[in-house]
Protein backbone atom coordinates (compact mmCIF):
# COMPACT_ATOMS: atom_id res chain seq x y z
CA MET A 1 -125.15 33.60 15.31
CA PRO A 2 -126.81 34.71 18.59
CA VAL A 3 -130.13 36.53 18.23
CA ASP A 4 -130.40 37.82 21.78
CA ILE A 5 -129.20 41.45 21.69
CA GLU A 6 -127.81 41.54 25.22
CA LYS A 7 -125.95 38.26 24.78
CA THR A 8 -124.56 39.53 21.49
CA LYS A 9 -123.31 42.68 23.18
CA GLU A 10 -121.70 40.69 25.99
CA GLU A 11 -119.94 38.44 23.48
CA ILE A 12 -118.70 41.47 21.50
CA LEU A 13 -117.24 43.07 24.63
CA ARG A 14 -115.60 39.81 25.68
CA LEU A 15 -114.01 39.22 22.28
CA LYS A 16 -112.98 42.85 21.98
CA GLU A 17 -110.93 42.56 25.15
CA GLU A 18 -109.53 39.19 24.09
CA ARG A 19 -108.46 40.53 20.69
CA LYS A 20 -107.18 43.82 22.09
CA ALA A 21 -109.53 45.50 19.63
CA VAL A 22 -111.27 48.85 19.31
CA ILE A 23 -114.58 49.39 17.56
CA LEU A 24 -114.93 52.53 15.44
CA SER A 25 -118.31 53.71 14.21
CA HIS A 26 -119.07 56.41 11.67
CA ASN A 27 -121.73 58.98 12.58
CA TYR A 28 -124.09 57.44 10.00
CA GLN A 29 -124.16 53.93 11.47
CA ARG A 30 -127.15 52.26 13.15
CA GLU A 31 -127.91 53.42 16.69
CA GLU A 32 -126.94 50.11 18.32
CA VAL A 33 -123.63 50.09 16.45
CA GLN A 34 -122.81 53.62 17.58
CA ASP A 35 -123.70 52.71 21.16
CA ILE A 36 -121.32 49.77 21.38
CA ALA A 37 -118.42 51.52 19.63
CA ASP A 38 -115.41 52.87 21.49
CA PHE A 39 -115.40 55.95 19.28
CA VAL A 40 -118.00 57.54 17.00
CA GLY A 41 -117.03 60.23 14.50
CA ASP A 42 -116.24 61.04 10.88
CA SER A 43 -113.97 58.75 8.88
CA LEU A 44 -110.68 60.61 9.16
CA GLU A 45 -111.23 61.54 12.81
CA LEU A 46 -111.72 57.86 13.64
CA SER A 47 -108.66 56.71 11.71
CA ARG A 48 -106.46 59.32 13.37
CA ASN A 49 -107.68 58.28 16.83
CA ALA A 50 -107.04 54.62 16.09
CA ALA A 51 -103.48 55.37 14.99
CA THR A 52 -102.67 56.66 18.47
CA MET A 53 -104.43 53.91 20.42
CA ASP A 54 -102.87 50.95 22.16
CA CYS A 55 -104.68 48.20 20.29
CA GLU A 56 -103.91 45.36 17.92
CA VAL A 57 -107.20 45.16 16.00
CA ILE A 58 -109.47 47.87 14.57
CA VAL A 59 -113.05 46.96 13.68
CA PHE A 60 -114.25 49.73 11.37
CA CYS A 61 -118.02 50.13 11.15
CA GLY A 62 -118.36 52.19 8.01
CA VAL A 63 -117.57 51.76 4.31
CA ASP A 64 -114.49 50.48 2.51
CA PHE A 65 -112.52 53.69 1.96
CA MET A 66 -112.74 54.44 5.68
CA ALA A 67 -111.16 51.13 6.62
CA GLU A 68 -108.49 51.81 3.99
CA SER A 69 -107.68 55.13 5.68
CA ALA A 70 -107.26 53.29 8.97
CA SER A 71 -104.90 50.83 7.29
CA ILE A 72 -102.94 53.70 5.70
CA LEU A 73 -102.41 55.37 9.09
CA SER A 74 -102.03 52.17 11.16
CA PRO A 75 -100.20 49.62 8.96
CA GLU A 76 -99.03 47.64 11.97
CA LYS A 77 -102.59 46.93 13.12
CA THR A 78 -105.16 44.48 11.79
CA VAL A 79 -108.00 46.50 10.27
CA LEU A 80 -111.34 44.74 9.83
CA LEU A 81 -114.28 46.09 7.82
CA SER A 82 -117.52 45.12 9.52
CA GLU A 83 -119.25 44.37 6.18
CA MET A 84 -117.03 43.66 3.19
CA ASP A 85 -119.57 44.83 0.61
CA ALA A 86 -120.21 48.17 2.34
CA SER A 87 -118.89 50.56 -0.28
CA CYS A 88 -119.21 54.25 -1.16
CA PRO A 89 -120.83 54.84 -4.60
CA MET A 90 -119.28 58.32 -4.84
CA ALA A 91 -115.76 56.97 -4.20
CA GLU A 92 -116.34 54.44 -6.97
CA MET A 93 -117.19 57.20 -9.45
CA ILE A 94 -113.50 57.93 -9.99
CA GLN A 95 -110.75 55.53 -10.97
CA VAL A 96 -107.03 56.06 -11.35
CA SER A 97 -106.98 54.34 -14.72
CA MET A 98 -109.21 52.26 -16.93
CA PRO A 99 -108.51 49.33 -19.25
CA ARG A 100 -107.95 50.60 -22.81
CA SER A 101 -110.86 48.46 -24.08
CA VAL A 102 -113.39 50.49 -22.13
CA ARG A 103 -111.83 53.92 -22.46
CA ARG A 104 -113.72 56.62 -24.33
CA VAL A 105 -112.25 59.25 -26.63
CA PHE A 106 -110.95 62.12 -24.54
CA ALA A 107 -112.58 65.34 -25.72
CA GLY A 108 -110.90 68.73 -25.64
CA TYR A 109 -112.95 70.70 -23.12
CA GLU A 110 -112.59 74.35 -22.35
CA VAL A 111 -112.11 75.10 -18.67
CA GLN A 112 -114.81 77.26 -17.11
CA PRO A 113 -114.59 78.99 -13.67
CA THR A 114 -115.96 75.81 -12.17
CA PHE A 115 -115.70 72.98 -14.65
CA VAL A 116 -117.26 69.59 -13.99
CA PHE A 117 -115.39 66.70 -15.57
CA PRO A 118 -117.49 63.71 -16.67
CA HIS A 119 -116.74 60.72 -14.48
CA GLU A 120 -116.47 58.25 -17.36
CA PHE A 121 -112.88 59.47 -17.71
CA THR A 122 -110.11 58.68 -15.24
CA LEU A 123 -107.93 60.58 -12.81
CA ARG A 124 -104.89 60.09 -15.03
CA ASP A 125 -106.88 61.52 -17.95
CA ILE A 126 -107.60 64.75 -16.15
CA LYS A 127 -104.01 64.99 -14.89
CA ALA A 128 -102.77 64.57 -18.46
CA LYS A 129 -105.16 67.25 -19.65
CA TYR A 130 -103.95 69.71 -17.00
CA PRO A 131 -100.28 68.84 -16.34
CA GLY A 132 -98.85 70.35 -13.20
CA VAL A 133 -102.24 71.27 -11.72
CA PRO A 134 -102.42 69.79 -8.19
CA VAL A 135 -105.09 67.24 -7.34
CA VAL A 136 -107.07 67.70 -4.12
CA ALA A 137 -108.71 64.40 -3.19
CA TYR A 138 -111.65 64.24 -0.83
CA VAL A 139 -111.06 61.64 1.89
CA ASN A 140 -114.12 59.87 0.42
CA THR A 141 -111.91 58.20 -2.19
CA THR A 142 -110.08 54.91 -2.55
CA ALA A 143 -106.51 54.46 -1.38
CA GLU A 144 -105.40 54.22 -5.03
CA VAL A 145 -106.93 57.61 -5.83
CA LYS A 146 -105.36 59.19 -2.75
CA ALA A 147 -101.99 57.80 -3.80
CA GLU A 148 -102.36 59.42 -7.23
CA SER A 149 -103.30 62.80 -5.67
CA ASP A 150 -101.22 65.62 -4.23
CA ILE A 151 -103.17 66.32 -1.05
CA CYS A 152 -106.36 65.21 0.67
CA CYS A 153 -109.18 67.26 2.14
CA THR A 154 -112.29 66.81 4.23
CA SER A 155 -115.65 68.54 3.88
CA ALA A 156 -114.60 70.75 6.78
CA ASN A 157 -111.20 71.90 5.49
CA VAL A 158 -111.53 71.81 1.69
CA VAL A 159 -111.24 75.60 1.32
CA LYS A 160 -108.26 75.78 3.69
CA VAL A 161 -106.51 73.00 1.76
CA ILE A 162 -107.08 74.74 -1.57
CA GLU A 163 -105.87 78.06 -0.17
CA SER A 164 -102.70 76.38 1.14
CA LEU A 165 -101.59 75.55 -2.39
CA PRO A 166 -99.60 78.15 -4.37
CA ASP A 167 -101.36 77.28 -7.63
CA GLU A 168 -104.13 79.45 -9.06
CA ARG A 169 -106.18 76.47 -10.15
CA VAL A 170 -106.67 73.02 -8.68
CA ILE A 171 -108.38 69.76 -9.58
CA CYS A 172 -110.93 68.70 -6.96
CA ILE A 173 -112.24 65.15 -6.86
CA PRO A 174 -114.71 63.48 -6.76
CA ASP A 175 -117.71 65.44 -5.36
CA ARG A 176 -119.03 68.16 -7.68
CA ASN A 177 -121.16 69.78 -4.98
CA LEU A 178 -118.28 70.04 -2.51
CA SER A 179 -116.14 71.45 -5.33
CA MET A 180 -118.75 74.07 -6.19
CA TRP A 181 -119.03 75.00 -2.52
CA ALA A 182 -115.25 75.43 -2.42
CA ALA A 183 -115.29 77.48 -5.63
CA LYS A 184 -117.78 79.85 -4.06
CA ASN A 185 -115.43 80.40 -1.12
CA THR A 186 -112.11 80.82 -2.93
CA LYS A 187 -110.83 82.96 -5.80
CA LYS A 188 -108.95 80.03 -7.25
CA GLN A 189 -110.21 78.17 -10.30
CA ILE A 190 -111.65 74.75 -9.53
CA ILE A 191 -111.63 71.92 -12.05
CA ALA A 192 -114.22 69.57 -10.60
CA TRP A 193 -115.16 65.95 -11.10
CA ASP A 194 -118.74 64.90 -11.89
CA GLY A 195 -119.20 62.74 -8.80
CA PHE A 196 -121.81 63.04 -6.09
CA CYS A 197 -123.26 61.48 -2.95
CA HIS A 198 -126.69 60.10 -3.80
CA VAL A 199 -127.91 60.78 -0.25
CA HIS A 200 -127.08 64.49 -0.28
CA ASP A 201 -127.55 65.19 -3.99
CA ARG A 202 -131.23 64.19 -3.83
CA VAL A 203 -132.10 67.17 -1.64
CA THR A 204 -133.88 69.96 -3.54
CA LYS A 205 -134.77 73.59 -2.95
CA ASP A 206 -138.40 72.52 -2.47
CA ASN A 207 -137.32 70.20 0.36
CA ILE A 208 -135.78 73.20 2.12
CA LEU A 209 -138.92 75.30 1.70
CA THR A 210 -141.10 72.48 3.02
CA ALA A 211 -138.86 71.89 6.04
CA ARG A 212 -138.80 75.63 6.82
CA LYS A 213 -142.59 75.73 6.68
CA GLU A 214 -142.96 72.70 8.97
CA HIS A 215 -140.32 73.91 11.46
CA PRO A 216 -140.27 77.73 11.26
CA HIS A 217 -138.17 78.16 14.43
CA ALA A 218 -135.45 75.65 13.52
CA LEU A 219 -131.97 76.41 12.21
CA LEU A 220 -131.04 74.47 9.09
CA MET A 221 -127.66 72.72 8.94
CA ALA A 222 -126.56 71.34 5.58
CA HIS A 223 -123.62 69.21 4.50
CA PRO A 224 -121.52 70.67 1.63
CA GLU A 225 -122.20 67.53 -0.40
CA CYS A 226 -125.68 69.01 -1.00
CA ARG A 227 -126.42 70.98 -4.16
CA PRO A 228 -125.42 74.67 -4.32
CA GLU A 229 -129.04 75.89 -4.42
CA VAL A 230 -129.68 73.96 -1.20
CA LEU A 231 -126.60 75.32 0.54
CA GLU A 232 -127.59 78.88 -0.33
CA LEU A 233 -130.72 78.47 1.81
CA ALA A 234 -129.01 76.86 4.82
CA ASP A 235 -128.24 78.68 8.06
CA HIS A 236 -125.00 76.76 8.50
CA VAL A 237 -123.01 74.68 6.01
CA THR A 238 -120.63 72.24 7.65
CA SER A 239 -119.36 68.67 8.00
CA THR A 240 -120.89 66.08 10.32
CA SER A 241 -118.42 66.96 13.08
CA GLY A 242 -119.19 70.62 12.44
CA MET A 243 -122.90 69.95 12.88
CA LEU A 244 -122.26 68.34 16.24
CA ARG A 245 -120.22 71.33 17.39
CA PHE A 246 -122.67 73.89 15.99
CA ALA A 247 -125.71 72.27 17.61
CA LYS A 248 -123.98 72.09 20.98
CA ALA A 249 -122.77 75.70 20.92
CA SER A 250 -125.93 77.25 19.52
CA GLY A 251 -128.60 78.79 21.70
CA ALA A 252 -131.27 77.51 19.31
CA LYS A 253 -133.51 74.67 20.48
CA GLU A 254 -134.59 73.27 17.11
CA PHE A 255 -132.54 72.16 14.11
CA ILE A 256 -133.22 70.77 10.65
CA VAL A 257 -130.46 68.32 9.79
CA GLY A 258 -129.35 68.15 6.16
CA THR A 259 -127.26 65.00 6.13
CA GLU A 260 -127.60 61.23 6.57
CA VAL A 261 -130.13 60.50 9.31
CA GLY A 262 -127.71 58.34 11.32
CA ILE A 263 -126.23 61.47 12.88
CA MET A 264 -129.59 62.24 14.51
CA HIS A 265 -128.83 59.66 17.20
CA ARG A 266 -125.64 61.34 18.36
CA LEU A 267 -127.12 64.83 18.06
CA GLY A 268 -129.97 63.78 20.34
CA LYS A 269 -127.68 62.08 22.88
CA GLU A 270 -125.36 65.08 23.13
CA ASN A 271 -128.18 67.65 23.19
CA PRO A 272 -131.11 66.15 25.15
CA ASP A 273 -132.70 69.58 25.57
CA LYS A 274 -132.86 70.23 21.82
CA VAL A 275 -135.00 68.87 18.98
CA PHE A 276 -133.68 67.66 15.61
CA TYR A 277 -135.65 67.10 12.41
CA PRO A 278 -134.35 65.33 9.29
CA LEU A 279 -134.36 67.52 6.20
CA ARG A 280 -135.62 64.47 4.32
CA LYS A 281 -136.55 61.22 6.06
CA ASP A 282 -135.06 59.21 3.20
CA MET A 283 -131.55 60.61 3.60
CA ILE A 284 -130.33 57.08 4.29
CA CYS A 285 -127.14 55.46 3.02
CA PRO A 286 -127.87 51.72 2.57
CA ASN A 287 -124.17 50.88 2.72
CA MET A 288 -123.79 52.61 6.09
CA LYS A 289 -126.72 50.59 7.41
CA LYS A 290 -125.32 47.19 6.41
CA THR A 291 -123.38 46.82 9.66
CA THR A 292 -125.24 45.24 12.57
CA LEU A 293 -124.20 43.95 15.99
CA ASN A 294 -123.95 40.50 14.41
CA SER A 295 -121.56 41.93 11.81
CA ILE A 296 -119.24 43.13 14.55
CA LEU A 297 -119.47 39.86 16.46
CA ARG A 298 -118.76 37.83 13.33
CA GLU A 299 -115.65 39.85 12.52
CA LEU A 300 -114.29 39.63 16.05
CA LYS A 301 -114.78 35.86 15.87
CA GLU A 302 -113.56 35.14 12.35
CA MET A 303 -111.37 38.16 11.51
CA LYS A 304 -111.93 37.57 7.78
CA ASN A 305 -112.60 41.04 6.34
CA VAL A 306 -109.02 42.27 6.64
CA ILE A 307 -108.26 45.56 4.87
CA LYS A 308 -104.57 45.91 4.08
CA VAL A 309 -103.33 48.62 1.74
CA PRO A 310 -100.16 47.55 -0.15
CA GLU A 311 -97.07 49.62 0.69
CA GLU A 312 -96.66 50.94 -2.86
CA ILE A 313 -100.11 52.53 -2.50
CA ARG A 314 -100.10 53.18 1.22
CA LEU A 315 -96.99 55.37 1.27
CA PRO A 316 -98.04 57.91 -1.40
CA ALA A 317 -101.60 57.89 -0.02
CA LYS A 318 -100.24 58.64 3.44
CA ARG A 319 -98.20 61.51 2.03
CA ALA A 320 -101.39 63.05 0.63
CA LEU A 321 -103.08 62.68 4.01
CA ASP A 322 -100.05 63.97 5.91
CA ARG A 323 -99.86 67.08 3.74
CA MET A 324 -103.42 67.87 4.70
CA LEU A 325 -102.79 67.20 8.39
CA GLU A 326 -99.79 69.55 8.35
CA ILE A 327 -102.03 72.52 7.48
CA LYS A 328 -102.78 74.56 10.57
């Protein structure tokens, strides 16, 4: 594999044209990966763009569920995951079903205003416990989980999705912090799953106080995957795309960024006159950092990491995504 960066880039661009491919990079990817990508954005935004593009191959620089979303929306295209073992721990915290040998006894819990379900159970368990209650699945889930759900949501539209449903209570999976954020912003009862993003969940109230002290003139943006006590102290709670829009529109010149540090690159490029500080320097997702330029080159050469969602899963998963996309 070439070690010269410029030669690697040239080879990627040559093969991309030869394969009629597009390269998609999530906002959390390495700087050099973002720079060579055709599009940089959040997972659903990228998949929707790819579905409308005139291309034959999609190289997705992200984690597995993102490439699955691209396959769900673009079944006629070859979707490649840049690193096959790049996964999302939070997405893996919920399964549709579990072999009987490893199932635990299902306890009879009482539902509280915001109830967190232990993630050792399965999605079908919680659906059986609350028959008829619709399931709202975060896009950060596997294709199988989406297919078993009623509608999908993003961190930006979770409240709007919940409010679009006629039911007075909903099941939200898998992120407990996003669910609690939604519960705070709706009168509906949320039955939440006990999942979390290890990057965002590690942020504490003390981290906020320290960052405020170090950067007293900066506005603090926080992702709704952070804990409720963290979000209460933020100036603006929003998704990664929302952070990009907020920073660009704001008259402020300094920002504390409460999400994975990969977004700092794009924030800086789009706002050269503004300064951005990470809320915590260790807000790093190892799986998002697995992709390198050599990863992209290898996939364009070998085309081995093909992500193809079977039709029996793809169609119901697409329905859940489409229902979300139909909400104005």
